[in-house]
Amino acid sequence: MEAGTIQLTNSLKSLFRETAQQLKGSQRRQFMAKVVKELGMGGQTQAERELGWNRGTIRKGMQELTTGIPIKDGYIGTLKRSQLILSLQCDRHRRRLG
């Protein structure tokens, strides 16, 4: 176990997983980030390994906690995913024609 990390019992793991599954969007990410902060040093790695949580999702939650501003779901940067996919499809089509 890494220095500064908390030992997660099976009951805590179940509680954290079930709670995260019941939440959606920003609330879920911020809950995950709060758990990771409480785990201490190496918490992101521990949560990924023992809880199956995605580190990118945890980082997004950390950013939301730090700024106090929820990040809108389904966005990559300033483009919506659907806009990004459409843009990539148009680029591919232009390359075939050109």
C-alpha atoms as a PDB file:
ATOM      1  CA  MET A   1       0.000   0.000   0.000  1.00  0.00           C
ATOM      2  CA  GLU A   2       1.261   3.495  -0.876  1.00  0.00           C
ATOM      3  CA  ALA A   3       2.047   6.016   1.853  1.00  0.00           C
ATOM      4  CA  GLY A   4      -0.922   8.157   2.818  1.00  0.00           C
ATOM      5  CA  THR A   5      -3.600   5.924   1.314  1.00  0.00           C
ATOM      6  CA  ILE A   6      -6.551   4.528   3.220  1.00  0.00           C
ATOM      7  CA  GLN A   7      -7.286   0.806   3.226  1.00  0.00           C
ATOM      8  CA  LEU A   8     -10.654   0.259   1.529  1.00  0.00           C
ATOM      9  CA  THR A   9     -12.735  -2.516   3.042  1.00  0.00           C
ATOM     10  CA  ASN A  10     -15.112  -4.506   0.842  1.00  0.00           C
ATOM     11  CA  SER A  11     -18.091  -2.747   2.450  1.00  0.00           C
ATOM     12  CA  LEU A  12     -16.594   0.694   1.701  1.00  0.00           C
ATOM     13  CA  LYS A  13     -15.870  -0.322  -1.880  1.00  0.00           C
ATOM     14  CA  SER A  14     -19.480  -1.457  -2.313  1.00  0.00           C
ATOM     15  CA  LEU A  15     -20.810   1.722  -0.729  1.00  0.00           C
ATOM     16  CA  PHE A  16     -18.671   3.973  -2.949  1.00  0.00           C
ATOM     17  CA  ARG A  17     -19.487   2.037  -6.154  1.00  0.00           C
ATOM     18  CA  GLU A  18     -23.240   1.922  -5.445  1.00  0.00           C
ATOM     19  CA  THR A  19     -23.385   5.608  -4.545  1.00  0.00           C
ATOM     20  CA  ALA A  20     -21.470   6.595  -7.690  1.00  0.00           C
ATOM     21  CA  GLN A  21     -23.804   4.456  -9.842  1.00  0.00           C
ATOM     22  CA  GLN A  22     -26.868   6.213  -8.411  1.00  0.00           C
ATOM     23  CA  LEU A  23     -25.515   9.669  -9.247  1.00  0.00           C
ATOM     24  CA  LYS A  24     -25.263  11.194 -12.721  1.00  0.00           C
ATOM     25  CA  GLY A  25     -23.069  13.751 -14.440  1.00  0.00           C
ATOM     26  CA  SER A  26     -21.371  16.413 -12.373  1.00  0.00           C
ATOM     27  CA  GLN A  27     -22.733  15.095  -9.070  1.00  0.00           C
ATOM     28  CA  ARG A  28     -21.180  11.692  -9.779  1.00  0.00           C
ATOM     29  CA  ARG A  29     -17.819  13.166 -10.788  1.00  0.00           C
ATOM     30  CA  GLN A  30     -17.681  15.431  -7.752  1.00  0.00           C
ATOM     31  CA  PHE A  31     -18.560  12.538  -5.425  1.00  0.00           C
ATOM     32  CA  MET A  32     -15.742  10.490  -6.969  1.00  0.00           C
ATOM     33  CA  ALA A  33     -13.326  13.419  -6.576  1.00  0.00           C
ATOM     34  CA  LYS A  34     -14.263  13.862  -2.905  1.00  0.00           C
ATOM     35  CA  VAL A  35     -13.658  10.162  -2.231  1.00  0.00           C
ATOM     36  CA  VAL A  36     -10.280  10.363  -3.976  1.00  0.00           C
ATOM     37  CA  LYS A  37      -9.298  13.433  -1.939  1.00  0.00           C
ATOM     38  CA  GLU A  38     -10.120  11.537   1.258  1.00  0.00           C
ATOM     39  CA  LEU A  39      -8.006   8.586   0.088  1.00  0.00           C
ATOM     40  CA  GLY A  40      -4.991  10.893   0.053  1.00  0.00           C
ATOM     41  CA  MET A  41      -1.752  10.525  -1.893  1.00  0.00           C
ATOM     42  CA  GLY A  42      -2.198   8.013  -4.715  1.00  0.00           C
ATOM     43  CA  GLY A  43      -5.986   8.167  -4.353  1.00  0.00           C
ATOM     44  CA  GLN A  44      -6.683   8.384  -8.095  1.00  0.00           C
ATOM     45  CA  THR A  45      -4.652   5.264  -8.759  1.00  0.00           C
ATOM     46  CA  GLN A  46      -6.230   3.446  -5.839  1.00  0.00           C
ATOM     47  CA  ALA A  47      -9.762   4.401  -6.961  1.00  0.00           C
ATOM     48  CA  GLU A  48      -8.999   3.272 -10.512  1.00  0.00           C
ATOM     49  CA  ARG A  49      -7.568  -0.049  -9.343  1.00  0.00           C
ATOM     50  CA  GLU A  50      -9.956  -0.910  -6.501  1.00  0.00           C
ATOM     51  CA  LEU A  51     -13.196   0.815  -7.527  1.00  0.00           C
ATOM     52  CA  GLY A  52     -12.880   0.613 -11.309  1.00  0.00           C
ATOM     53  CA  TRP A  53     -13.251   4.378 -11.696  1.00  0.00           C
ATOM     54  CA  ASN A  54     -11.842   6.187 -14.724  1.00  0.00           C
ATOM     55  CA  ARG A  55      -9.019   8.602 -13.871  1.00  0.00           C
ATOM     56  CA  GLY A  56     -10.153  11.057 -16.560  1.00  0.00           C
ATOM     57  CA  THR A  57     -13.577  11.209 -14.916  1.00  0.00           C
ATOM     58  CA  ILE A  58     -11.950  11.726 -11.527  1.00  0.00           C
ATOM     59  CA  ARG A  59      -9.776  14.548 -12.889  1.00  0.00           C
ATOM     60  CA  LYS A  60     -12.842  16.223 -14.400  1.00  0.00           C
ATOM     61  CA  GLY A  61     -14.547  15.993 -10.996  1.00  0.00           C
ATOM     62  CA  MET A  62     -11.471  17.483  -9.318  1.00  0.00           C
ATOM     63  CA  GLN A  63     -11.610  20.401 -11.749  1.00  0.00           C
ATOM     64  CA  GLU A  64     -15.311  20.898 -10.959  1.00  0.00           C
ATOM     65  CA  LEU A  65     -14.583  20.891  -7.212  1.00  0.00           C
ATOM     66  CA  THR A  66     -11.712  23.347  -7.597  1.00  0.00           C
ATOM     67  CA  THR A  67     -13.542  25.822  -9.828  1.00  0.00           C
ATOM     68  CA  GLY A  68     -17.041  25.316  -8.449  1.00  0.00           C
ATOM     69  CA  ILE A  69     -18.282  25.190 -12.046  1.00  0.00           C
ATOM     70  CA  PRO A  70     -19.889  21.969 -13.312  1.00  0.00           C
ATOM     71  CA  ILE A  71     -18.671  20.803 -16.710  1.00  0.00           C
ATOM     72  CA  LYS A  72     -21.489  20.194 -19.157  1.00  0.00           C
ATOM     73  CA  ASP A  73     -21.825  16.534 -20.118  1.00  0.00           C
ATOM     74  CA  GLY A  74     -21.231  15.454 -23.707  1.00  0.00           C
ATOM     75  CA  TYR A  75     -18.782  18.223 -24.566  1.00  0.00           C
ATOM     76  CA  ILE A  76     -15.205  17.937 -25.752  1.00  0.00           C
ATOM     77  CA  GLY A  77     -13.641  21.331 -25.340  1.00  0.00           C
ATOM     78  CA  THR A  78     -16.120  23.751 -26.892  1.00  0.00           C
ATOM     79  CA  LEU A  79     -17.591  21.291 -29.408  1.00  0.00           C
ATOM     80  CA  LYS A  80     -20.385  18.879 -28.667  1.00  0.00           C
ATOM     81  CA  ARG A  81     -19.444  15.284 -29.488  1.00  0.00           C
ATOM     82  CA  SER A  82     -22.029  15.138 -32.258  1.00  0.00           C
ATOM     83  CA  GLN A  83     -20.553  18.308 -33.804  1.00  0.00           C
ATOM     84  CA  LEU A  84     -17.051  16.870 -33.568  1.00  0.00           C
ATOM     85  CA  ILE A  85     -18.089  13.609 -35.253  1.00  0.00           C
ATOM     86  CA  LEU A  86     -19.885  15.493 -38.028  1.00  0.00           C
ATOM     87  CA  SER A  87     -16.832  17.687 -38.555  1.00  0.00           C
ATOM     88  CA  LEU A  88     -14.541  14.637 -38.789  1.00  0.00           C
ATOM     89  CA  GLN A  89     -16.892  12.945 -41.259  1.00  0.00           C
ATOM     90  CA  CYS A  90     -16.925  16.067 -43.454  1.00  0.00           C
ATOM     91  CA  ASP A  91     -13.120  16.230 -43.376  1.00  0.00           C
ATOM     92  CA  ARG A  92     -12.853  12.567 -44.396  1.00  0.00           C
ATOM     93  CA  HIS A  93     -15.334  13.117 -47.238  1.00  0.00           C
ATOM     94  CA  ARG A  94     -13.407  16.162 -48.502  1.00  0.00           C
ATOM     95  CA  ARG A  95     -10.144  14.179 -48.528  1.00  0.00           C
ATOM     96  CA  ARG A  96     -11.737  11.463 -50.672  1.00  0.00           C
ATOM     97  CA  LEU A  97     -12.985  14.023 -53.176  1.00  0.00           C
ATOM     98  CA  GLY A  98      -9.892  16.129 -53.256  1.00  0.00           C
END
